[in-house]
PDB file of N, CA and C in Angstrom:
ATOM      1  N   MET A   1       0.847  -1.180   0.000  1.00  0.00           N
ATOM      2  CA  MET A   1       0.000   0.000   0.000  1.00  0.00           C
ATOM      3  C   MET A   1       0.886   1.235   0.000  1.00  0.00           C
ATOM      4  N   GLU A   2       0.495   2.206  -0.739  1.00  0.00           N
ATOM      5  CA  GLU A   2       1.301   3.407  -0.854  1.00  0.00           C
ATOM      6  C   GLU A   2       1.118   4.328   0.347  1.00  0.00           C
ATOM      7  N   LYS A   3       2.190   5.057   0.651  1.00  0.00           N
ATOM      8  CA  LYS A   3       2.152   5.989   1.778  1.00  0.00           C
ATOM      9  C   LYS A   3       1.070   7.041   1.554  1.00  0.00           C
ATOM     10  N   ASN A   4       0.895   7.504   0.317  1.00  0.00           N
ATOM     11  CA  ASN A   4      -0.110   8.518   0.031  1.00  0.00           C
ATOM     12  C   ASN A   4      -1.512   8.041   0.392  1.00  0.00           C
ATOM     13  N   PHE A   5      -1.751   6.740   0.260  1.00  0.00           N
ATOM     14  CA  PHE A   5      -3.044   6.169   0.642  1.00  0.00           C
ATOM     15  C   PHE A   5      -3.299   6.418   2.123  1.00  0.00           C
ATOM     16  N   PHE A   6      -2.296   6.142   2.957  1.00  0.00           N
ATOM     17  CA  PHE A   6      -2.450   6.345   4.386  1.00  0.00           C
ATOM     18  C   PHE A   6      -2.609   7.822   4.734  1.00  0.00           C
ATOM     19  N   ASP A   7      -1.876   8.670   4.045  1.00  0.00           N
ATOM     20  CA  ASP A   7      -2.012  10.108   4.287  1.00  0.00           C
ATOM     21  C   ASP A   7      -3.425  10.574   3.945  1.00  0.00           C
ATOM     22  N   ALA A   8      -3.990  10.017   2.887  1.00  0.00           N
ATOM     23  CA  ALA A   8      -5.329  10.410   2.452  1.00  0.00           C
ATOM     24  C   ALA A   8      -6.409   9.966   3.438  1.00  0.00           C
ATOM     25  N   ILE A   9      -6.236   8.781   4.026  1.00  0.00           N
ATOM     26  CA  ILE A   9      -7.284   8.280   4.921  1.00  0.00           C
ATOM     27  C   ILE A   9      -7.034   8.594   6.387  1.00  0.00           C
ATOM     28  N   GLN A  10      -5.897   9.185   6.712  1.00  0.00           N
ATOM     29  CA  GLN A  10      -5.552   9.443   8.108  1.00  0.00           C
ATOM     30  C   GLN A  10      -6.625  10.236   8.858  1.00  0.00           C
ATOM     31  N   PRO A  11      -7.179  11.314   8.314  1.00  0.00           N
ATOM     32  CA  PRO A  11      -8.222  12.033   9.062  1.00  0.00           C
ATOM     33  C   PRO A  11      -9.421  11.138   9.399  1.00  0.00           C
ATOM     34  N   ASN A  12      -9.788  10.267   8.476  1.00  0.00           N
ATOM     35  CA  ASN A  12     -10.904   9.357   8.730  1.00  0.00           C
ATOM     36  C   ASN A  12     -10.549   8.340   9.803  1.00  0.00           C
ATOM     37  N   LEU A  13      -9.313   7.864   9.789  1.00  0.00           N
ATOM     38  CA  LEU A  13      -8.867   6.907  10.804  1.00  0.00           C
ATOM     39  C   LEU A  13      -8.908   7.535  12.188  1.00  0.00           C
ATOM     40  N   ILE A  14      -8.429   8.755  12.286  1.00  0.00           N
ATOM     41  CA  ILE A  14      -8.399   9.445  13.575  1.00  0.00           C
ATOM     42  C   ILE A  14      -9.815   9.670  14.088  1.00  0.00           C
ATOM     43  N   GLU A  15     -10.707  10.082  13.216  1.00  0.00           N
ATOM     44  CA  GLU A  15     -12.103  10.292  13.618  1.00  0.00           C
ATOM     45  C   GLU A  15     -12.731   8.981  14.078  1.00  0.00           C
ATOM     46  N   ARG A  16     -12.480   7.915  13.339  1.00  0.00           N
ATOM     47  CA  ARG A  16     -13.030   6.603  13.684  1.00  0.00           C
ATOM     48  C   ARG A  16     -12.482   6.117  15.032  1.00  0.00           C
ATOM     49  N   LEU A  17     -11.197   6.269  15.246  1.00  0.00           N
ATOM     50  CA  LEU A  17     -10.605   5.868  16.518  1.00  0.00           C
ATOM     51  C   LEU A  17     -11.180   6.679  17.674  1.00  0.00           C
ATOM     52  N   GLY A  18     -11.383   7.973  17.458  1.00  0.00           N
ATOM     53  CA  GLY A  18     -11.964   8.818  18.499  1.00  0.00           C
ATOM     54  C   GLY A  18     -13.346   8.341  18.903  1.00  0.00           C
ATOM     55  N   LYS A  19     -14.157   7.975  17.924  1.00  0.00           N
ATOM     56  CA  LYS A  19     -15.498   7.448  18.216  1.00  0.00           C
ATOM     57  C   LYS A  19     -15.397   6.133  18.979  1.00  0.00           C
ATOM     58  N   PHE A  20     -14.453   5.299  18.600  1.00  0.00           N
ATOM     59  CA  PHE A  20     -14.255   4.010  19.264  1.00  0.00           C
ATOM     60  C   PHE A  20     -13.842   4.220  20.716  1.00  0.00           C
ATOM     61  N   TYR A  21     -12.888   5.114  20.941  1.00  0.00           N
ATOM     62  CA  TYR A  21     -12.418   5.387  22.298  1.00  0.00           C
ATOM     63  C   TYR A  21     -13.552   5.896  23.181  1.00  0.00           C
ATOM     64  N   ASN A  22     -14.328   6.813  22.657  1.00  0.00           N
ATOM     65  CA  ASN A  22     -15.387   7.430  23.448  1.00  0.00           C
ATOM     66  C   ASN A  22     -16.501   6.466  23.826  1.00  0.00           C
ATOM     67  N   CYS A  23     -16.540   5.300  23.214  1.00  0.00           N
ATOM     68  CA  CYS A  23     -17.532   4.277  23.560  1.00  0.00           C
ATOM     69  C   CYS A  23     -16.970   3.239  24.523  1.00  0.00           C
ATOM     70  N   ASP A  24     -15.705   3.348  24.866  1.00  0.00           N
ATOM     71  CA  ASP A  24     -15.045   2.348  25.694  1.00  0.00           C
ATOM     72  C   ASP A  24     -15.027   2.781  27.161  1.00  0.00           C
ATOM     73  N   CYS A  25     -15.596   1.952  28.033  1.00  0.00           N
ATOM     74  CA  CYS A  25     -15.681   2.283  29.460  1.00  0.00           C
ATOM     75  C   CYS A  25     -14.307   2.388  30.110  1.00  0.00           C
ATOM     76  N   GLU A  26     -13.402   1.495  29.764  1.00  0.00           N
ATOM     77  CA  GLU A  26     -12.062   1.524  30.349  1.00  0.00           C
ATOM     78  C   GLU A  26     -11.343   2.820  29.982  1.00  0.00           C
ATOM     79  N   TYR A  27     -11.491   3.251  28.728  1.00  0.00           N
ATOM     80  CA  TYR A  27     -10.896   4.514  28.282  1.00  0.00           C
ATOM     81  C   TYR A  27     -11.494   5.678  29.067  1.00  0.00           C
ATOM     82  N   LYS A  28     -12.806   5.683  29.230  1.00  0.00           N
ATOM     83  CA  LYS A  28     -13.466   6.770  29.944  1.00  0.00           C
ATOM     84  C   LYS A  28     -12.990   6.842  31.396  1.00  0.00           C
ATOM     85  N   GLN A  29     -12.821   5.694  32.041  1.00  0.00           N
ATOM     86  CA  GLN A  29     -12.334   5.660  33.420  1.00  0.00           C
ATOM     87  C   GLN A  29     -10.904   6.188  33.508  1.00  0.00           C
ATOM     88  N   ALA A  30     -10.069   5.783  32.565  1.00  0.00           N
ATOM     89  CA  ALA A  30      -8.678   6.245  32.550  1.00  0.00           C
ATOM     90  C   ALA A  30      -8.612   7.750  32.318  1.00  0.00           C
ATOM     91  N   LEU A  31      -9.451   8.252  31.436  1.00  0.00           N
ATOM     92  CA  LEU A  31      -9.484   9.687  31.160  1.00  0.00           C
ATOM     93  C   LEU A  31      -9.966  10.459  32.382  1.00  0.00           C
ATOM     94  N   LYS A  32     -10.945   9.915  33.085  1.00  0.00           N
ATOM     95  CA  LYS A  32     -11.440  10.556  34.305  1.00  0.00           C
ATOM     96  C   LYS A  32     -10.328  10.640  35.350  1.00  0.00           C
ATOM     97  N   LYS A  33      -9.589   9.546  35.518  1.00  0.00           N
ATOM     98  CA  LYS A  33      -8.478   9.520  36.477  1.00  0.00           C
ATOM     99  C   LYS A  33      -7.403  10.529  36.078  1.00  0.00           C
ATOM    100  N   GLU A  34      -7.096  10.574  34.793  1.00  0.00           N
ATOM    101  CA  GLU A  34      -6.107  11.526  34.287  1.00  0.00           C
ATOM    102  C   GLU A  34      -6.533  12.957  34.610  1.00  0.00           C
ATOM    103  N   THR A  35      -7.781  13.261  34.388  1.00  0.00           N
ATOM    104  CA  THR A  35      -8.307  14.603  34.650  1.00  0.00           C
ATOM    105  C   THR A  35      -8.224  14.948  36.135  1.00  0.00           C
ATOM    106  N   GLU A  36      -8.569  13.988  36.996  1.00  0.00           N
ATOM    107  CA  GLU A  36      -8.494  14.209  38.444  1.00  0.00           C
ATOM    108  C   GLU A  36      -7.060  14.491  38.888  1.00  0.00           C
ATOM    109  N   LEU A  37      -6.124  13.705  38.367  1.00  0.00           N
ATOM    110  CA  LEU A  37      -4.716  13.894  38.734  1.00  0.00           C
ATOM    111  C   LEU A  37      -4.186  15.239  38.246  1.00  0.00           C
ATOM    112  N   PHE A  38      -4.612  15.635  37.056  1.00  0.00           N
ATOM    113  CA  PHE A  38      -4.149  16.920  36.531  1.00  0.00           C
ATOM    114  C   PHE A  38      -4.697  18.073  37.362  1.00  0.00           C
ATOM    115  N   LYS A  39      -5.929  17.944  37.829  1.00  0.00           N
ATOM    116  CA  LYS A  39      -6.496  18.985  38.700  1.00  0.00           C
ATOM    117  C   LYS A  39      -5.677  19.119  39.976  1.00  0.00           C
ATOM    118  N   GLN A  40      -5.211  17.994  40.498  1.00  0.00           N
ATOM    119  CA  GLN A  40      -4.358  18.039  41.693  1.00  0.00           C
ATOM    120  C   GLN A  40      -3.060  18.790  41.400  1.00  0.00           C
ATOM    121  N   LEU A  41      -2.498  18.540  40.219  1.00  0.00           N
ATOM    122  CA  LEU A  41      -1.273  19.251  39.841  1.00  0.00           C
ATOM    123  C   LEU A  41      -1.531  20.744  39.713  1.00  0.00           C
ATOM    124  N   GLU A  42      -2.645  21.114  39.108  1.00  0.00           N
ATOM    125  CA  GLU A  42      -2.980  22.532  38.945  1.00  0.00           C
ATOM    126  C   GLU A  42      -3.072  23.246  40.293  1.00  0.00           C
ATOM    127  N   GLU A  43      -3.583  22.534  41.282  1.00  0.00           N
ATOM    128  CA  GLU A  43      -3.753  23.129  42.609  1.00  0.00           C
ATOM    129  C   GLU A  43      -2.454  23.212  43.401  1.00  0.00           C
ATOM    130  N   SER A  44      -1.471  22.367  43.077  1.00  0.00           N
ATOM    131  CA  SER A  44      -0.282  22.302  43.917  1.00  0.00           C
ATOM    132  C   SER A  44       0.996  22.858  43.283  1.00  0.00           C
ATOM    133  N   LEU A  45       0.997  23.079  41.985  1.00  0.00           N
ATOM    134  CA  LEU A  45       2.221  23.557  41.324  1.00  0.00           C
ATOM    135  C   LEU A  45       2.148  25.046  41.027  1.00  0.00           C
ATOM    136  N   SER A  46       3.320  25.650  40.941  1.00  0.00           N
ATOM    137  CA  SER A  46       3.388  27.053  40.519  1.00  0.00           C
ATOM    138  C   SER A  46       3.070  27.128  39.030  1.00  0.00           C
ATOM    139  N   GLY A  47       2.861  28.315  38.540  1.00  0.00           N
ATOM    140  CA  GLY A  47       2.561  28.504  37.120  1.00  0.00           C
ATOM    141  C   GLY A  47       3.659  27.972  36.209  1.00  0.00           C
ATOM    142  N   GLU A  48       4.897  28.242  36.582  1.00  0.00           N
ATOM    143  CA  GLU A  48       6.041  27.782  35.785  1.00  0.00           C
ATOM    144  C   GLU A  48       6.145  26.254  35.808  1.00  0.00           C
ATOM    145  N   GLN A  49       5.951  25.678  36.977  1.00  0.00           N
ATOM    146  CA  GLN A  49       6.003  24.221  37.086  1.00  0.00           C
ATOM    147  C   GLN A  49       4.868  23.569  36.301  1.00  0.00           C
ATOM    148  N   LEU A  50       3.688  24.148  36.402  1.00  0.00           N
ATOM    149  CA  LEU A  50       2.541  23.613  35.678  1.00  0.00           C
ATOM    150  C   LEU A  50       2.764  23.691  34.172  1.00  0.00           C
ATOM    151  N   GLN A  51       3.360  24.772  33.709  1.00  0.00           N
ATOM    152  CA  GLN A  51       3.646  24.907  32.284  1.00  0.00           C
ATOM    153  C   GLN A  51       4.642  23.847  31.828  1.00  0.00           C
ATOM    154  N   ALA A  52       5.624  23.544  32.666  1.00  0.00           N
ATOM    155  CA  ALA A  52       6.594  22.494  32.339  1.00  0.00           C
ATOM    156  C   ALA A  52       5.900  21.139  32.236  1.00  0.00           C
ATOM    157  N   VAL A  53       4.979  20.873  33.146  1.00  0.00           N
ATOM    158  CA  VAL A  53       4.213  19.612  33.093  1.00  0.00           C
ATOM    159  C   VAL A  53       3.376  19.561  31.820  1.00  0.00           C
ATOM    160  N   LYS A  54       2.710  20.664  31.477  1.00  0.00           N
ATOM    161  CA  LYS A  54       1.896  20.716  30.251  1.00  0.00           C
ATOM    162  C   LYS A  54       2.760  20.492  29.009  1.00  0.00           C
ATOM    163  N   ASN A  55       3.932  21.108  28.981  1.00  0.00           N
ATOM    164  CA  ASN A  55       4.838  20.916  27.836  1.00  0.00           C
ATOM    165  C   ASN A  55       5.259  19.455  27.718  1.00  0.00           C
ATOM    166  N   TYR A  56       5.577  18.860  28.849  1.00  0.00           N
ATOM    167  CA  TYR A  56       5.954  17.437  28.864  1.00  0.00           C
ATOM    168  C   TYR A  56       4.781  16.579  28.389  1.00  0.00           C
ATOM    169  N   GLN A  57       3.604  16.850  28.913  1.00  0.00           N
ATOM    170  CA  GLN A  57       2.414  16.084  28.541  1.00  0.00           C
ATOM    171  C   GLN A  57       2.134  16.219  27.040  1.00  0.00           C
ATOM    172  N   ASP A  58       2.277  17.414  26.504  1.00  0.00           N
ATOM    173  CA  ASP A  58       2.075  17.612  25.058  1.00  0.00           C
ATOM    174  C   ASP A  58       3.061  16.777  24.245  1.00  0.00           C
ATOM    175  N   ALA A  59       4.316  16.761  24.679  1.00  0.00           N
ATOM    176  CA  ALA A  59       5.340  15.997  23.959  1.00  0.00           C
ATOM    177  C   ALA A  59       5.046  14.504  24.024  1.00  0.00           C
ATOM    178  N   VAL A  60       4.650  14.010  25.190  1.00  0.00           N
ATOM    179  CA  VAL A  60       4.325  12.587  25.341  1.00  0.00           C
ATOM    180  C   VAL A  60       3.121  12.223  24.474  1.00  0.00           C
ATOM    181  N   CYS A  61       2.106  13.064  24.498  1.00  0.00           N
ATOM    182  CA  CYS A  61       0.904  12.787  23.698  1.00  0.00           C
ATOM    183  C   CYS A  61       1.210  12.783  22.204  1.00  0.00           C
ATOM    184  N   ARG A  62       2.057  13.686  21.753  1.00  0.00           N
ATOM    185  CA  ARG A  62       2.445  13.686  20.331  1.00  0.00           C
ATOM    186  C   ARG A  62       3.173  12.399  19.980  1.00  0.00           C
ATOM    187  N   THR A  63       4.084  11.983  20.850  1.00  0.00           N
ATOM    188  CA  THR A  63       4.829  10.744  20.603  1.00  0.00           C
ATOM    189  C   THR A  63       3.890   9.552  20.552  1.00  0.00           C
ATOM    190  N   TRP A  64       2.986   9.445  21.511  1.00  0.00           N
ATOM    191  CA  TRP A  64       2.040   8.326  21.532  1.00  0.00           C
ATOM    192  C   TRP A  64       1.111   8.372  20.329  1.00  0.00           C
ATOM    193  N   GLY A  65       0.713   9.570  19.903  1.00  0.00           N
ATOM    194  CA  GLY A  65      -0.131   9.699  18.718  1.00  0.00           C
ATOM    195  C   GLY A  65       0.572   9.173  17.476  1.00  0.00           C
ATOM    196  N   ILE A  66       1.850   9.492  17.353  1.00  0.00           N
ATOM    197  CA  ILE A  66       2.641   8.995  16.226  1.00  0.00           C
ATOM    198  C   ILE A  66       2.748   7.477  16.298  1.00  0.00           C
ATOM    199  N   CYS A  67       3.041   6.957  17.482  1.00  0.00           N
ATOM    200  CA  CYS A  67       3.150   5.501  17.657  1.00  0.00           C
ATOM    201  C   CYS A  67       1.835   4.808  17.308  1.00  0.00           C
ATOM    202  N   GLU A  68       0.744   5.388  17.752  1.00  0.00           N
ATOM    203  CA  GLU A  68      -0.567   4.805  17.480  1.00  0.00           C
ATOM    204  C   GLU A  68      -0.851   4.764  15.980  1.00  0.00           C
ATOM    205  N   MET A  69      -0.549   5.851  15.286  1.00  0.00           N
ATOM    206  CA  MET A  69      -0.804   5.899  13.852  1.00  0.00           C
ATOM    207  C   MET A  69       0.121   4.928  13.106  1.00  0.00           C
ATOM    208  N   LEU A  70       1.387   4.849  13.527  1.00  0.00           N
ATOM    209  CA  LEU A  70       2.310   3.899  12.894  1.00  0.00           C
ATOM    210  C   LEU A  70       1.837   2.462  13.093  1.00  0.00           C
ATOM    211  N   ALA A  71       1.360   2.152  14.295  1.00  0.00           N
ATOM    212  CA  ALA A  71       0.860   0.803  14.566  1.00  0.00           C
ATOM    213  C   ALA A  71      -0.370   0.507  13.718  1.00  0.00           C
ATOM    214  N   TYR A  72      -1.235   1.478  13.569  1.00  0.00           N
ATOM    215  CA  TYR A  72      -2.438   1.294  12.753  1.00  0.00           C
ATOM    216  C   TYR A  72      -2.052   1.072  11.287  1.00  0.00           C
ATOM    217  N   LYS A  73      -1.137   1.891  10.809  1.00  0.00           N
ATOM    218  CA  LYS A  73      -0.676   1.736   9.421  1.00  0.00           C
ATOM    219  C   LYS A  73      -0.033   0.368   9.206  1.00  0.00           C
ATOM    220  N   GLN A  74       0.787  -0.063  10.166  1.00  0.00           N
ATOM    221  CA  GLN A  74       1.434  -1.367  10.025  1.00  0.00           C
ATOM    222  C   GLN A  74       0.396  -2.474  10.042  1.00  0.00           C
ATOM    223  N   GLY A  75      -0.612  -2.325  10.862  1.00  0.00           N
ATOM    224  CA  GLY A  75      -1.701  -3.302  10.884  1.00  0.00           C
ATOM    225  C   GLY A  75      -2.405  -3.374   9.543  1.00  0.00           C
ATOM    226  N   MET A  76      -2.602  -2.235   8.911  1.00  0.00           N
ATOM    227  CA  MET A  76      -3.223  -2.207   7.581  1.00  0.00           C
ATOM    228  C   MET A  76      -2.315  -2.902   6.562  1.00  0.00           C
ATOM    229  N   ARG A  77      -1.006  -2.654   6.655  1.00  0.00           N
ATOM    230  CA  ARG A  77      -0.057  -3.315   5.747  1.00  0.00           C
ATOM    231  C   ARG A  77      -0.076  -4.823   5.962  1.00  0.00           C
ATOM    232  N   ASP A  78      -0.097  -5.230   7.225  1.00  0.00           N
ATOM    233  CA  ASP A  78      -0.124  -6.653   7.529  1.00  0.00           C
ATOM    234  C   ASP A  78      -1.403  -7.297   6.998  1.00  0.00           C
ATOM    235  N   LEU A  79      -2.526  -6.618   7.164  1.00  0.00           N
ATOM    236  CA  LEU A  79      -3.789  -7.134   6.642  1.00  0.00           C
ATOM    237  C   LEU A  79      -3.729  -7.251   5.124  1.00  0.00           C
ATOM    238  N   ALA A  80      -3.184  -6.240   4.475  1.00  0.00           N
ATOM    239  CA  ALA A  80      -3.049  -6.278   3.016  1.00  0.00           C
ATOM    240  C   ALA A  80      -2.166  -7.453   2.594  1.00  0.00           C
ATOM    241  N   ALA A  81      -1.094  -7.710   3.327  1.00  0.00           N
ATOM    242  CA  ALA A  81      -0.205  -8.827   3.001  1.00  0.00           C
ATOM    243  C   ALA A  81      -0.927 -10.161   3.183  1.00  0.00           C
ATOM    244  N   ILE A  82      -1.685 -10.269   4.261  1.00  0.00           N
ATOM    245  CA  ILE A  82      -2.433 -11.500   4.509  1.00  0.00           C
ATOM    246  C   ILE A  82      -3.460 -11.745   3.407  1.00  0.00           C
ATOM    247  N   LEU A  83      -4.098 -10.674   2.951  1.00  0.00           N
ATOM    248  CA  LEU A  83      -5.111 -10.794   1.903  1.00  0.00           C
ATOM    249  C   LEU A  83      -4.506 -10.913   0.509  1.00  0.00           C
ATOM    250  N   GLY A  84      -3.189 -10.767   0.427  1.00  0.00           N
ATOM    251  CA  GLY A  84      -2.511 -10.916  -0.857  1.00  0.00           C
ATOM    252  C   GLY A  84      -2.540  -9.675  -1.722  1.00  0.00           C
ATOM    253  N   ILE A  85      -2.801  -8.538  -1.116  1.00  0.00           N
ATOM    254  CA  ILE A  85      -2.780  -7.272  -1.848  1.00  0.00           C
ATOM    255  C   ILE A  85      -1.344  -6.810  -1.914  1.00  0.00           C
ATOM    256  N   GLU A  86      -0.881  -6.496  -3.102  1.00  0.00           N
ATOM    257  CA  GLU A  86       0.518  -6.086  -3.236  1.00  0.00           C
ATOM    258  C   GLU A  86       0.789  -4.798  -2.511  1.00  0.00           C
ATOM    259  N   SER A  87       1.955  -4.722  -1.910  1.00  0.00           N
ATOM    260  CA  SER A  87       2.378  -3.543  -1.176  1.00  0.00           C
ATOM    261  C   SER A  87       3.380  -2.769  -2.014  1.00  0.00           C
ATOM    262  N   LYS A  88       3.131  -1.474  -2.157  1.00  0.00           N
ATOM    263  CA  LYS A  88       4.072  -0.587  -2.855  1.00  0.00           C
ATOM    264  C   LYS A  88       4.635   0.353  -1.821  1.00  0.00           C
ATOM    265  N   GLY A  89       5.917   0.466  -1.735  1.00  0.00           N
ATOM    266  CA  GLY A  89       6.527   1.357  -0.762  1.00  0.00           C
ATOM    267  C   GLY A  89       6.792   0.632   0.530  1.00  0.00           C
ATOM    268  N   GLU A  90       6.522   1.316   1.641  1.00  0.00           N
ATOM    269  CA  GLU A  90       6.856   0.782   2.976  1.00  0.00           C
ATOM    270  C   GLU A  90       6.004  -0.406   3.331  1.00  0.00           C
TER     271      GLU A  90
END
Protein backbone atom coordinates (compact mmCIF):
# COMPACT_ATOMS: atom_id res chain seq x y z
CA MET A 1 0.00 0.00 0.00
CA GLU A 2 1.30 3.41 -0.85
CA LYS A 3 2.15 5.99 1.78
CA ASN A 4 -0.11 8.52 0.03
CA PHE A 5 -3.04 6.17 0.64
CA PHE A 6 -2.45 6.34 4.39
CA ASP A 7 -2.01 10.11 4.29
CA ALA A 8 -5.33 10.41 2.45
CA ILE A 9 -7.28 8.28 4.92
CA GLN A 10 -5.55 9.44 8.11
CA PRO A 11 -8.22 12.03 9.06
CA ASN A 12 -10.90 9.36 8.73
CA LEU A 13 -8.87 6.91 10.80
CA ILE A 14 -8.40 9.44 13.58
CA GLU A 15 -12.10 10.29 13.62
CA ARG A 16 -13.03 6.60 13.68
CA LEU A 17 -10.60 5.87 16.52
CA GLY A 18 -11.96 8.82 18.50
CA LYS A 19 -15.50 7.45 18.22
CA PHE A 20 -14.26 4.01 19.26
CA TYR A 21 -12.42 5.39 22.30
CA ASN A 22 -15.39 7.43 23.45
CA CYS A 23 -17.53 4.28 23.56
CA ASP A 24 -15.05 2.35 25.69
CA CYS A 25 -15.68 2.28 29.46
CA GLU A 26 -12.06 1.52 30.35
CA TYR A 27 -10.90 4.51 28.28
CA LYS A 28 -13.47 6.77 29.94
CA GLN A 29 -12.33 5.66 33.42
CA ALA A 30 -8.68 6.25 32.55
CA LEU A 31 -9.48 9.69 31.16
CA LYS A 32 -11.44 10.56 34.31
CA LYS A 33 -8.48 9.52 36.48
CA GLU A 34 -6.11 11.53 34.29
CA THR A 35 -8.31 14.60 34.65
CA GLU A 36 -8.49 14.21 38.44
CA LEU A 37 -4.72 13.89 38.73
CA PHE A 38 -4.15 16.92 36.53
CA LYS A 39 -6.50 18.98 38.70
CA GLN A 40 -4.36 18.04 41.69
CA LEU A 41 -1.27 19.25 39.84
CA GLU A 42 -2.98 22.53 38.95
CA GLU A 43 -3.75 23.13 42.61
CA SER A 44 -0.28 22.30 43.92
CA LEU A 45 2.22 23.56 41.32
CA SER A 46 3.39 27.05 40.52
CA GLY A 47 2.56 28.50 37.12
CA GLU A 48 6.04 27.78 35.78
CA GLN A 49 6.00 24.22 37.09
CA LEU A 50 2.54 23.61 35.68
CA GLN A 51 3.65 24.91 32.28
CA ALA A 52 6.59 22.49 32.34
CA VAL A 53 4.21 19.61 33.09
CA LYS A 54 1.90 20.72 30.25
CA ASN A 55 4.84 20.92 27.84
CA TYR A 56 5.95 17.44 28.86
CA GLN A 57 2.41 16.08 28.54
CA ASP A 58 2.07 17.61 25.06
CA ALA A 59 5.34 16.00 23.96
CA VAL A 60 4.33 12.59 25.34
CA CYS A 61 0.90 12.79 23.70
CA ARG A 62 2.44 13.69 20.33
CA THR A 63 4.83 10.74 20.60
CA TRP A 64 2.04 8.33 21.53
CA GLY A 65 -0.13 9.70 18.72
CA ILE A 66 2.64 8.99 16.23
CA CYS A 67 3.15 5.50 17.66
CA GLU A 68 -0.57 4.81 17.48
CA MET A 69 -0.80 5.90 13.85
CA LEU A 70 2.31 3.90 12.89
CA ALA A 71 0.86 0.80 14.57
CA TYR A 72 -2.44 1.29 12.75
CA LYS A 73 -0.68 1.74 9.42
CA GLN A 74 1.43 -1.37 10.02
CA GLY A 75 -1.70 -3.30 10.88
CA MET A 76 -3.22 -2.21 7.58
CA ARG A 77 -0.06 -3.31 5.75
CA ASP A 78 -0.12 -6.65 7.53
CA LEU A 79 -3.79 -7.13 6.64
CA ALA A 80 -3.05 -6.28 3.02
CA ALA A 81 -0.20 -8.83 3.00
CA ILE A 82 -2.43 -11.50 4.51
CA LEU A 83 -5.11 -10.79 1.90
CA GLY A 84 -2.51 -10.92 -0.86
CA ILE A 85 -2.78 -7.27 -1.85
CA GLU A 86 0.52 -6.09 -3.24
CA SER A 87 2.38 -3.54 -1.18
CA LYS A 88 4.07 -0.59 -2.86
CA GLY A 89 6.53 1.36 -0.76
CA GLU A 90 6.86 0.78 2.98
